[in-house]
Amino acid sequence: NISQLHTQFNNAGQNLQKVQGLPNDL
């Protein structure tokens, strides 16, 4: 369960990184 949560968390973070125009601080 911990392994699955780790994978899902990082995927969600990487998807957010792909968004254009994010503030530099963010």
mmCIF file of all heavy atoms, coordinates in Angstrom:
data_MODEL
# 
_entry.id   MODEL 
# 
loop_
_atom_site.group_PDB 
_atom_site.id 
_atom_site.type_symbol 
_atom_site.label_atom_id 
_atom_site.label_alt_id 
_atom_site.label_comp_id 
_atom_site.label_asym_id 
_atom_site.label_entity_id 
_atom_site.label_seq_id 
_atom_site.pdbx_PDB_ins_code 
_atom_site.Cartn_x 
_atom_site.Cartn_y 
_atom_site.Cartn_z 
_atom_site.occupancy 
_atom_site.B_iso_or_equiv 
_atom_site.pdbx_formal_charge 
_atom_site.auth_seq_id 
_atom_site.auth_comp_id 
_atom_site.auth_asym_id 
_atom_site.auth_atom_id 
_atom_site.pdbx_PDB_model_num 
ATOM 1   N N   . ASN A 1 1  ? 0.828  -1.208 0.000   1.00 0.00 ? 1  ASN A N   1 
ATOM 2   C CA  . ASN A 1 1  ? 0.000  0.000  0.000   1.00 0.00 ? 1  ASN A CA  1 
ATOM 3   C C   . ASN A 1 1  ? 0.864  1.261  0.000   1.00 0.00 ? 1  ASN A C   1 
ATOM 4   O O   . ASN A 1 1  ? 0.561  2.246  -0.678  1.00 0.00 ? 1  ASN A O   1 
ATOM 5   C CB  . ASN A 1 1  ? -0.929 0.008  1.217   1.00 0.00 ? 1  ASN A CB  1 
ATOM 6   C CG  . ASN A 1 1  ? -2.015 -1.047 1.107   1.00 0.00 ? 1  ASN A CG  1 
ATOM 7   O OD1 . ASN A 1 1  ? -2.336 -1.492 0.013   1.00 0.00 ? 1  ASN A OD1 1 
ATOM 8   N ND2 . ASN A 1 1  ? -2.557 -1.461 2.240   1.00 0.00 ? 1  ASN A ND2 1 
ATOM 9   N N   . ILE A 1 2  ? 1.946  1.221  0.781   1.00 0.00 ? 2  ILE A N   1 
ATOM 10  C CA  . ILE A 1 2  ? 2.862  2.363  0.847   1.00 0.00 ? 2  ILE A CA  1 
ATOM 11  C C   . ILE A 1 2  ? 3.501  2.597  -0.528  1.00 0.00 ? 2  ILE A C   1 
ATOM 12  O O   . ILE A 1 2  ? 3.629  3.735  -0.998  1.00 0.00 ? 2  ILE A O   1 
ATOM 13  C CB  . ILE A 1 2  ? 3.933  2.137  1.920   1.00 0.00 ? 2  ILE A CB  1 
ATOM 14  C CG1 . ILE A 1 2  ? 3.296  2.197  3.315   1.00 0.00 ? 2  ILE A CG1 1 
ATOM 15  C CG2 . ILE A 1 2  ? 5.052  3.167  1.815   1.00 0.00 ? 2  ILE A CG2 1 
ATOM 16  C CD1 . ILE A 1 2  ? 4.246  1.834  4.437   1.00 0.00 ? 2  ILE A CD1 1 
ATOM 17  N N   . SER A 1 3  ? 3.876  1.492  -1.190  1.00 0.00 ? 3  SER A N   1 
ATOM 18  C CA  . SER A 1 3  ? 4.507  1.604  -2.507  1.00 0.00 ? 3  SER A CA  1 
ATOM 19  C C   . SER A 1 3  ? 3.544  2.216  -3.526  1.00 0.00 ? 3  SER A C   1 
ATOM 20  O O   . SER A 1 3  ? 3.927  3.083  -4.321  1.00 0.00 ? 3  SER A O   1 
ATOM 21  C CB  . SER A 1 3  ? 4.954  0.211  -2.966  1.00 0.00 ? 3  SER A CB  1 
ATOM 22  O OG  . SER A 1 3  ? 5.495  0.270  -4.262  1.00 0.00 ? 3  SER A OG  1 
ATOM 23  N N   . GLN A 1 4  ? 2.281  1.788  -3.514  1.00 0.00 ? 4  GLN A N   1 
ATOM 24  C CA  . GLN A 1 4  ? 1.291  2.327  -4.446  1.00 0.00 ? 4  GLN A CA  1 
ATOM 25  C C   . GLN A 1 4  ? 1.059  3.818  -4.188  1.00 0.00 ? 4  GLN A C   1 
ATOM 26  O O   . GLN A 1 4  ? 0.966  4.611  -5.131  1.00 0.00 ? 4  GLN A O   1 
ATOM 27  C CB  . GLN A 1 4  ? -0.019 1.561  -4.304  1.00 0.00 ? 4  GLN A CB  1 
ATOM 28  C CG  . GLN A 1 4  ? 0.043  0.139  -4.818  1.00 0.00 ? 4  GLN A CG  1 
ATOM 29  C CD  . GLN A 1 4  ? -1.255 -0.620 -4.602  1.00 0.00 ? 4  GLN A CD  1 
ATOM 30  O OE1 . GLN A 1 4  ? -2.118 -0.163 -3.868  1.00 0.00 ? 4  GLN A OE1 1 
ATOM 31  N NE2 . GLN A 1 4  ? -1.371 -1.785 -5.223  1.00 0.00 ? 4  GLN A NE2 1 
ATOM 32  N N   . LEU A 1 5  ? 0.958  4.190  -2.917  1.00 0.00 ? 5  LEU A N   1 
ATOM 33  C CA  . LEU A 1 5  ? 0.744  5.591  -2.578  1.00 0.00 ? 5  LEU A CA  1 
ATOM 34  C C   . LEU A 1 5  ? 1.933  6.441  -3.027  1.00 0.00 ? 5  LEU A C   1 
ATOM 35  O O   . LEU A 1 5  ? 1.759  7.557  -3.539  1.00 0.00 ? 5  LEU A O   1 
ATOM 36  C CB  . LEU A 1 5  ? 0.534  5.735  -1.067  1.00 0.00 ? 5  LEU A CB  1 
ATOM 37  C CG  . LEU A 1 5  ? 0.304  7.163  -0.551  1.00 0.00 ? 5  LEU A CG  1 
ATOM 38  C CD1 . LEU A 1 5  ? -0.918 7.780  -1.207  1.00 0.00 ? 5  LEU A CD1 1 
ATOM 39  C CD2 . LEU A 1 5  ? 0.142  7.162  0.966   1.00 0.00 ? 5  LEU A CD2 1 
ATOM 40  N N   . HIS A 1 6  ? 3.148  5.910  -2.871  1.00 0.00 ? 6  HIS A N   1 
ATOM 41  C CA  . HIS A 1 6  ? 4.357  6.637  -3.282  1.00 0.00 ? 6  HIS A CA  1 
ATOM 42  C C   . HIS A 1 6  ? 4.333  6.911  -4.784  1.00 0.00 ? 6  HIS A C   1 
ATOM 43  O O   . HIS A 1 6  ? 4.619  8.028  -5.240  1.00 0.00 ? 6  HIS A O   1 
ATOM 44  C CB  . HIS A 1 6  ? 5.585  5.801  -2.905  1.00 0.00 ? 6  HIS A CB  1 
ATOM 45  C CG  . HIS A 1 6  ? 6.883  6.412  -3.337  1.00 0.00 ? 6  HIS A CG  1 
ATOM 46  N ND1 . HIS A 1 6  ? 7.461  7.491  -2.696  1.00 0.00 ? 6  HIS A ND1 1 
ATOM 47  C CD2 . HIS A 1 6  ? 7.717  6.102  -4.371  1.00 0.00 ? 6  HIS A CD2 1 
ATOM 48  C CE1 . HIS A 1 6  ? 8.596  7.814  -3.311  1.00 0.00 ? 6  HIS A CE1 1 
ATOM 49  N NE2 . HIS A 1 6  ? 8.765  6.990  -4.325  1.00 0.00 ? 6  HIS A NE2 1 
ATOM 50  N N   . THR A 1 7  ? 3.960  5.884  -5.562  1.00 0.00 ? 7  THR A N   1 
ATOM 51  C CA  . THR A 1 7  ? 3.915  6.026  -7.022  1.00 0.00 ? 7  THR A CA  1 
ATOM 52  C C   . THR A 1 7  ? 2.853  7.052  -7.439  1.00 0.00 ? 7  THR A C   1 
ATOM 53  O O   . THR A 1 7  ? 3.103  7.929  -8.271  1.00 0.00 ? 7  THR A O   1 
ATOM 54  C CB  . THR A 1 7  ? 3.601  4.666  -7.669  1.00 0.00 ? 7  THR A CB  1 
ATOM 55  O OG1 . THR A 1 7  ? 4.611  3.724  -7.292  1.00 0.00 ? 7  THR A OG1 1 
ATOM 56  C CG2 . THR A 1 7  ? 3.567  4.791  -9.187  1.00 0.00 ? 7  THR A CG2 1 
ATOM 57  N N   . GLN A 1 8  ? 1.655  6.962  -6.846  1.00 0.00 ? 8  GLN A N   1 
ATOM 58  C CA  . GLN A 1 8  ? 0.574  7.885  -7.179  1.00 0.00 ? 8  GLN A CA  1 
ATOM 59  C C   . GLN A 1 8  ? 0.915  9.322  -6.805  1.00 0.00 ? 8  GLN A C   1 
ATOM 60  O O   . GLN A 1 8  ? 0.606  10.260 -7.540  1.00 0.00 ? 8  GLN A O   1 
ATOM 61  C CB  . GLN A 1 8  ? -0.712 7.454  -6.470  1.00 0.00 ? 8  GLN A CB  1 
ATOM 62  C CG  . GLN A 1 8  ? -1.282 6.143  -6.996  1.00 0.00 ? 8  GLN A CG  1 
ATOM 63  C CD  . GLN A 1 8  ? -2.432 5.628  -6.151  1.00 0.00 ? 8  GLN A CD  1 
ATOM 64  O OE1 . GLN A 1 8  ? -2.742 6.203  -5.124  1.00 0.00 ? 8  GLN A OE1 1 
ATOM 65  N NE2 . GLN A 1 8  ? -3.046 4.527  -6.573  1.00 0.00 ? 8  GLN A NE2 1 
ATOM 66  N N   . PHE A 1 9  ? 1.574  9.500  -5.676  1.00 0.00 ? 9  PHE A N   1 
ATOM 67  C CA  . PHE A 1 9  ? 1.957  10.841 -5.236  1.00 0.00 ? 9  PHE A CA  1 
ATOM 68  C C   . PHE A 1 9  ? 2.935  11.473 -6.234  1.00 0.00 ? 9  PHE A C   1 
ATOM 69  O O   . PHE A 1 9  ? 2.768  12.631 -6.650  1.00 0.00 ? 9  PHE A O   1 
ATOM 70  C CB  . PHE A 1 9  ? 2.595  10.756 -3.847  1.00 0.00 ? 9  PHE A CB  1 
ATOM 71  C CG  . PHE A 1 9  ? 3.047  12.093 -3.303  1.00 0.00 ? 9  PHE A CG  1 
ATOM 72  C CD1 . PHE A 1 9  ? 2.171  12.900 -2.599  1.00 0.00 ? 9  PHE A CD1 1 
ATOM 73  C CD2 . PHE A 1 9  ? 4.345  12.546 -3.513  1.00 0.00 ? 9  PHE A CD2 1 
ATOM 74  C CE1 . PHE A 1 9  ? 2.569  14.129 -2.110  1.00 0.00 ? 9  PHE A CE1 1 
ATOM 75  C CE2 . PHE A 1 9  ? 4.759  13.777 -3.029  1.00 0.00 ? 9  PHE A CE2 1 
ATOM 76  C CZ  . PHE A 1 9  ? 3.868  14.565 -2.324  1.00 0.00 ? 9  PHE A CZ  1 
ATOM 77  N N   . ASN A 1 10 ? 3.959  10.731 -6.607  1.00 0.00 ? 10 ASN A N   1 
ATOM 78  C CA  . ASN A 1 10 ? 4.959  11.276 -7.532  1.00 0.00 ? 10 ASN A CA  1 
ATOM 79  C C   . ASN A 1 10 ? 4.373  11.526 -8.918  1.00 0.00 ? 10 ASN A C   1 
ATOM 80  O O   . ASN A 1 10 ? 4.726  12.507 -9.574  1.00 0.00 ? 10 ASN A O   1 
ATOM 81  C CB  . ASN A 1 10 ? 6.155  10.324 -7.623  1.00 0.00 ? 10 ASN A CB  1 
ATOM 82  C CG  . ASN A 1 10 ? 7.092  10.454 -6.437  1.00 0.00 ? 10 ASN A CG  1 
ATOM 83  O OD1 . ASN A 1 10 ? 7.870  11.395 -6.337  1.00 0.00 ? 10 ASN A OD1 1 
ATOM 84  N ND2 . ASN A 1 10 ? 7.003  9.520  -5.504  1.00 0.00 ? 10 ASN A ND2 1 
ATOM 85  N N   . ASN A 1 11 ? 3.458  10.656 -9.368  1.00 0.00 ? 11 ASN A N   1 
ATOM 86  C CA  . ASN A 1 11 ? 2.804  10.877 -10.665 1.00 0.00 ? 11 ASN A CA  1 
ATOM 87  C C   . ASN A 1 11 ? 1.994  12.166 -10.647 1.00 0.00 ? 11 ASN A C   1 
ATOM 88  O O   . ASN A 1 11 ? 2.004  12.946 -11.603 1.00 0.00 ? 11 ASN A O   1 
ATOM 89  C CB  . ASN A 1 11 ? 1.901  9.699  -11.015 1.00 0.00 ? 11 ASN A CB  1 
ATOM 90  C CG  . ASN A 1 11 ? 2.688  8.451  -11.388 1.00 0.00 ? 11 ASN A CG  1 
ATOM 91  O OD1 . ASN A 1 11 ? 3.872  8.533  -11.717 1.00 0.00 ? 11 ASN A OD1 1 
ATOM 92  N ND2 . ASN A 1 11 ? 2.042  7.296  -11.323 1.00 0.00 ? 11 ASN A ND2 1 
ATOM 93  N N   . ALA A 1 12 ? 1.280  12.393 -9.540  1.00 0.00 ? 12 ALA A N   1 
ATOM 94  C CA  . ALA A 1 12 ? 0.483  13.614 -9.418  1.00 0.00 ? 12 ALA A CA  1 
ATOM 95  C C   . ALA A 1 12 ? 1.373  14.853 -9.419  1.00 0.00 ? 12 ALA A C   1 
ATOM 96  O O   . ALA A 1 12 ? 1.057  15.878 -10.046 1.00 0.00 ? 12 ALA A O   1 
ATOM 97  C CB  . ALA A 1 12 ? -0.358 13.568 -8.131  1.00 0.00 ? 12 ALA A CB  1 
ATOM 98  N N   . GLY A 1 13 ? 2.510  14.775 -8.725  1.00 0.00 ? 13 GLY A N   1 
ATOM 99  C CA  . GLY A 1 13 ? 3.440  15.899 -8.697  1.00 0.00 ? 13 GLY A CA  1 
ATOM 100 C C   . GLY A 1 13 ? 4.051  16.169 -10.058 1.00 0.00 ? 13 GLY A C   1 
ATOM 101 O O   . GLY A 1 13 ? 4.195  17.328 -10.477 1.00 0.00 ? 13 GLY A O   1 
ATOM 102 N N   . GLN A 1 14 ? 4.408  15.109 -10.773 1.00 0.00 ? 14 GLN A N   1 
ATOM 103 C CA  . GLN A 1 14 ? 5.008  15.267 -12.100 1.00 0.00 ? 14 GLN A CA  1 
ATOM 104 C C   . GLN A 1 14 ? 3.993  15.835 -13.091 1.00 0.00 ? 14 GLN A C   1 
ATOM 105 O O   . GLN A 1 14 ? 4.345  16.625 -13.984 1.00 0.00 ? 14 GLN A O   1 
ATOM 106 C CB  . GLN A 1 14 ? 5.535  13.917 -12.577 1.00 0.00 ? 14 GLN A CB  1 
ATOM 107 C CG  . GLN A 1 14 ? 6.758  13.446 -11.789 1.00 0.00 ? 14 GLN A CG  1 
ATOM 108 C CD  . GLN A 1 14 ? 7.082  11.987 -12.027 1.00 0.00 ? 14 GLN A CD  1 
ATOM 109 O OE1 . GLN A 1 14 ? 6.465  11.326 -12.870 1.00 0.00 ? 14 GLN A OE1 1 
ATOM 110 N NE2 . GLN A 1 14 ? 8.064  11.476 -11.290 1.00 0.00 ? 14 GLN A NE2 1 
ATOM 111 N N   . ASN A 1 15 ? 2.722  15.444 -12.960 1.00 0.00 ? 15 ASN A N   1 
ATOM 112 C CA  . ASN A 1 15 ? 1.681  16.009 -13.826 1.00 0.00 ? 15 ASN A CA  1 
ATOM 113 C C   . ASN A 1 15 ? 1.531  17.512 -13.597 1.00 0.00 ? 15 ASN A C   1 
ATOM 114 O O   . ASN A 1 15 ? 1.316  18.288 -14.530 1.00 0.00 ? 15 ASN A O   1 
ATOM 115 C CB  . ASN A 1 15 ? 0.340  15.313 -13.559 1.00 0.00 ? 15 ASN A CB  1 
ATOM 116 C CG  . ASN A 1 15 ? 0.296  13.907 -14.123 1.00 0.00 ? 15 ASN A CG  1 
ATOM 117 O OD1 . ASN A 1 15 ? 1.025  13.597 -15.062 1.00 0.00 ? 15 ASN A OD1 1 
ATOM 118 N ND2 . ASN A 1 15 ? -0.542 13.061 -13.546 1.00 0.00 ? 15 ASN A ND2 1 
ATOM 119 N N   . LEU A 1 16 ? 1.634  17.935 -12.344 1.00 0.00 ? 16 LEU A N   1 
ATOM 120 C CA  . LEU A 1 16 ? 1.540  19.354 -12.024 1.00 0.00 ? 16 LEU A CA  1 
ATOM 121 C C   . LEU A 1 16 ? 2.722  20.123 -12.617 1.00 0.00 ? 16 LEU A C   1 
ATOM 122 O O   . LEU A 1 16 ? 2.581  21.272 -13.063 1.00 0.00 ? 16 LEU A O   1 
ATOM 123 C CB  . LEU A 1 16 ? 1.476  19.552 -10.504 1.00 0.00 ? 16 LEU A CB  1 
ATOM 124 C CG  . LEU A 1 16 ? 1.308  20.996 -10.019 1.00 0.00 ? 16 LEU A CG  1 
ATOM 125 C CD1 . LEU A 1 16 ? 0.052  21.622 -10.624 1.00 0.00 ? 16 LEU A CD1 1 
ATOM 126 C CD2 . LEU A 1 16 ? 1.239  21.047 -8.495  1.00 0.00 ? 16 LEU A CD2 1 
ATOM 127 N N   . GLN A 1 17 ? 3.903  19.501 -12.654 1.00 0.00 ? 17 GLN A N   1 
ATOM 128 C CA  . GLN A 1 17 ? 5.086  20.160 -13.222 1.00 0.00 ? 17 GLN A CA  1 
ATOM 129 C C   . GLN A 1 17 ? 4.914  20.448 -14.719 1.00 0.00 ? 17 GLN A C   1 
ATOM 130 O O   . GLN A 1 17 ? 5.530  21.370 -15.254 1.00 0.00 ? 17 GLN A O   1 
ATOM 131 C CB  . GLN A 1 17 ? 6.320  19.278 -13.024 1.00 0.00 ? 17 GLN A CB  1 
ATOM 132 C CG  . GLN A 1 17 ? 6.881  19.302 -11.602 1.00 0.00 ? 17 GLN A CG  1 
ATOM 133 C CD  . GLN A 1 17 ? 8.138  18.471 -11.471 1.00 0.00 ? 17 GLN A CD  1 
ATOM 134 O OE1 . GLN A 1 17 ? 8.220  17.373 -11.998 1.00 0.00 ? 17 GLN A OE1 1 
ATOM 135 N NE2 . GLN A 1 17 ? 9.127  19.002 -10.770 1.00 0.00 ? 17 GLN A NE2 1 
ATOM 136 N N   . LYS A 1 18 ? 4.056  19.664 -15.387 1.00 0.00 ? 18 LYS A N   1 
ATOM 137 C CA  . LYS A 1 18 ? 3.871  19.828 -16.834 1.00 0.00 ? 18 LYS A CA  1 
ATOM 138 C C   . LYS A 1 18 ? 2.986  21.032 -17.165 1.00 0.00 ? 18 LYS A C   1 
ATOM 139 O O   . LYS A 1 18 ? 2.903  21.439 -18.317 1.00 0.00 ? 18 LYS A O   1 
ATOM 140 C CB  . LYS A 1 18 ? 3.238  18.562 -17.420 1.00 0.00 ? 18 LYS A CB  1 
ATOM 141 C CG  . LYS A 1 18 ? 4.116  17.324 -17.282 1.00 0.00 ? 18 LYS A CG  1 
ATOM 142 C CD  . LYS A 1 18 ? 3.388  16.086 -17.780 1.00 0.00 ? 18 LYS A CD  1 
ATOM 143 C CE  . LYS A 1 18 ? 4.225  14.824 -17.586 1.00 0.00 ? 18 LYS A CE  1 
ATOM 144 N NZ  . LYS A 1 18 ? 3.490  13.615 -18.029 1.00 0.00 ? 18 LYS A NZ  1 
ATOM 145 N N   . VAL A 1 19 ? 2.301  21.576 -16.158 1.00 0.00 ? 19 VAL A N   1 
ATOM 146 C CA  . VAL A 1 19 ? 1.414  22.710 -16.414 1.00 0.00 ? 19 VAL A CA  1 
ATOM 147 C C   . VAL A 1 19 ? 2.237  23.947 -16.780 1.00 0.00 ? 19 VAL A C   1 
ATOM 148 O O   . VAL A 1 19 ? 3.207  24.292 -16.082 1.00 0.00 ? 19 VAL A O   1 
ATOM 149 C CB  . VAL A 1 19 ? 0.545  22.991 -15.167 1.00 0.00 ? 19 VAL A CB  1 
ATOM 150 C CG1 . VAL A 1 19 ? -0.310 24.231 -15.385 1.00 0.00 ? 19 VAL A CG1 1 
ATOM 151 C CG2 . VAL A 1 19 ? -0.345 21.786 -14.861 1.00 0.00 ? 19 VAL A CG2 1 
ATOM 152 N N   . GLN A 1 20 ? 1.865  24.604 -17.871 1.00 0.00 ? 20 GLN A N   1 
ATOM 153 C CA  . GLN A 1 20 ? 2.578  25.796 -18.318 1.00 0.00 ? 20 GLN A CA  1 
ATOM 154 C C   . GLN A 1 20 ? 2.178  27.014 -17.488 1.00 0.00 ? 20 GLN A C   1 
ATOM 155 O O   . GLN A 1 20 ? 1.024  27.163 -17.093 1.00 0.00 ? 20 GLN A O   1 
ATOM 156 C CB  . GLN A 1 20 ? 2.260  26.070 -19.802 1.00 0.00 ? 20 GLN A CB  1 
ATOM 157 C CG  . GLN A 1 20 ? 2.675  24.940 -20.738 1.00 0.00 ? 20 GLN A CG  1 
ATOM 158 C CD  . GLN A 1 20 ? 4.176  24.748 -20.777 1.00 0.00 ? 20 GLN A CD  1 
ATOM 159 O OE1 . GLN A 1 20 ? 4.941  25.724 -20.721 1.00 0.00 ? 20 GLN A OE1 1 
ATOM 160 N NE2 . GLN A 1 20 ? 4.618  23.493 -20.864 1.00 0.00 ? 20 GLN A NE2 1 
ATOM 161 N N   . GLY A 1 21 ? 3.159  27.885 -17.237 1.00 0.00 ? 21 GLY A N   1 
ATOM 162 C CA  . GLY A 1 21 ? 2.868  29.157 -16.581 1.00 0.00 ? 21 GLY A CA  1 
ATOM 163 C C   . GLY A 1 21 ? 2.772  29.087 -15.067 1.00 0.00 ? 21 GLY A C   1 
ATOM 164 O O   . GLY A 1 21 ? 2.197  29.992 -14.454 1.00 0.00 ? 21 GLY A O   1 
ATOM 165 N N   . LEU A 1 22 ? 3.321  28.034 -14.471 1.00 0.00 ? 22 LEU A N   1 
ATOM 166 C CA  . LEU A 1 22 ? 3.310  27.974 -13.007 1.00 0.00 ? 22 LEU A CA  1 
ATOM 167 C C   . LEU A 1 22 ? 4.227  29.060 -12.447 1.00 0.00 ? 22 LEU A C   1 
ATOM 168 O O   . LEU A 1 22 ? 5.300  29.327 -13.019 1.00 0.00 ? 22 LEU A O   1 
ATOM 169 C CB  . LEU A 1 22 ? 3.792  26.607 -12.506 1.00 0.00 ? 22 LEU A CB  1 
ATOM 170 C CG  . LEU A 1 22 ? 2.840  25.419 -12.633 1.00 0.00 ? 22 LEU A CG  1 
ATOM 171 C CD1 . LEU A 1 22 ? 3.501  24.171 -12.057 1.00 0.00 ? 22 LEU A CD1 1 
ATOM 172 C CD2 . LEU A 1 22 ? 1.533  25.689 -11.915 1.00 0.00 ? 22 LEU A CD2 1 
ATOM 173 N N   . PRO A 1 23 ? 3.869  29.699 -11.340 1.00 0.00 ? 23 PRO A N   1 
ATOM 174 C CA  . PRO A 1 23 ? 4.769  30.681 -10.708 1.00 0.00 ? 23 PRO A CA  1 
ATOM 175 C C   . PRO A 1 23 ? 6.114  30.017 -10.361 1.00 0.00 ? 23 PRO A C   1 
ATOM 176 O O   . PRO A 1 23 ? 6.159  28.840 -9.992  1.00 0.00 ? 23 PRO A O   1 
ATOM 177 C CB  . PRO A 1 23 ? 4.023  31.091 -9.438  1.00 0.00 ? 23 PRO A CB  1 
ATOM 178 C CG  . PRO A 1 23 ? 2.584  30.790 -9.735  1.00 0.00 ? 23 PRO A CG  1 
ATOM 179 C CD  . PRO A 1 23 ? 2.583  29.597 -10.632 1.00 0.00 ? 23 PRO A CD  1 
ATOM 180 N N   . ASN A 1 24 ? 7.201  30.797 -10.483 1.00 0.00 ? 24 ASN A N   1 
ATOM 181 C CA  . ASN A 1 24 ? 8.533  30.234 -10.226 1.00 0.00 ? 24 ASN A CA  1 
ATOM 182 C C   . ASN A 1 24 ? 8.678  29.703 -8.804  1.00 0.00 ? 24 ASN A C   1 
ATOM 183 O O   . ASN A 1 24 ? 9.263  28.644 -8.577  1.00 0.00 ? 24 ASN A O   1 
ATOM 184 C CB  . ASN A 1 24 ? 9.613  31.294 -10.503 1.00 0.00 ? 24 ASN A CB  1 
ATOM 185 C CG  . ASN A 1 24 ? 9.700  31.642 -11.981 1.00 0.00 ? 24 ASN A CG  1 
ATOM 186 O OD1 . ASN A 1 24 ? 9.382  30.806 -12.835 1.00 0.00 ? 24 ASN A OD1 1 
ATOM 187 N ND2 . ASN A 1 24 ? 10.098 32.871 -12.296 1.00 0.00 ? 24 ASN A ND2 1 
ATOM 188 N N   . ASP A 1 25 ? 8.132  30.452 -7.845  1.00 0.00 ? 25 ASP A N   1 
ATOM 189 C CA  . ASP A 1 25 ? 8.219  29.996 -6.452  1.00 0.00 ? 25 ASP A CA  1 
ATOM 190 C C   . ASP A 1 25 ? 7.514  28.651 -6.272  1.00 0.00 ? 25 ASP A C   1 
ATOM 191 O O   . ASP A 1 25 ? 8.029  27.765 -5.590  1.00 0.00 ? 25 ASP A O   1 
ATOM 192 C CB  . ASP A 1 25 ? 7.584  31.033 -5.513  1.00 0.00 ? 25 ASP A CB  1 
ATOM 193 C CG  . ASP A 1 25 ? 8.413  32.309 -5.430  1.00 0.00 ? 25 ASP A CG  1 
ATOM 194 O OD1 . ASP A 1 25 ? 9.600  32.247 -5.841  1.00 0.00 ? 25 ASP A OD1 1 
ATOM 195 O OD2 . ASP A 1 25 ? 7.887  33.335 -4.962  1.00 0.00 ? 25 ASP A OD2 1 
ATOM 196 N N   . LEU A 1 26 ? 6.353  28.533 -6.899  1.00 0.00 ? 26 LEU A N   1 
ATOM 197 C CA  . LEU A 1 26 ? 5.604  27.282 -6.794  1.00 0.00 ? 26 LEU A CA  1 
ATOM 198 C C   . LEU A 1 26 ? 6.369  26.132 -7.436  1.00 0.00 ? 26 LEU A C   1 
ATOM 199 O O   . LEU A 1 26 ? 6.439  25.026 -6.888  1.00 0.00 ? 26 LEU A O   1 
ATOM 200 C CB  . LEU A 1 26 ? 4.232  27.433 -7.448  1.00 0.00 ? 26 LEU A CB  1 
ATOM 201 C CG  . LEU A 1 26 ? 3.373  26.169 -7.529  1.00 0.00 ? 26 LEU A CG  1 
ATOM 202 C CD1 . LEU A 1 26 ? 3.092  25.624 -6.138  1.00 0.00 ? 26 LEU A CD1 1 
ATOM 203 C CD2 . LEU A 1 26 ? 2.059  26.429 -8.264  1.00 0.00 ? 26 LEU A CD2 1 
# 
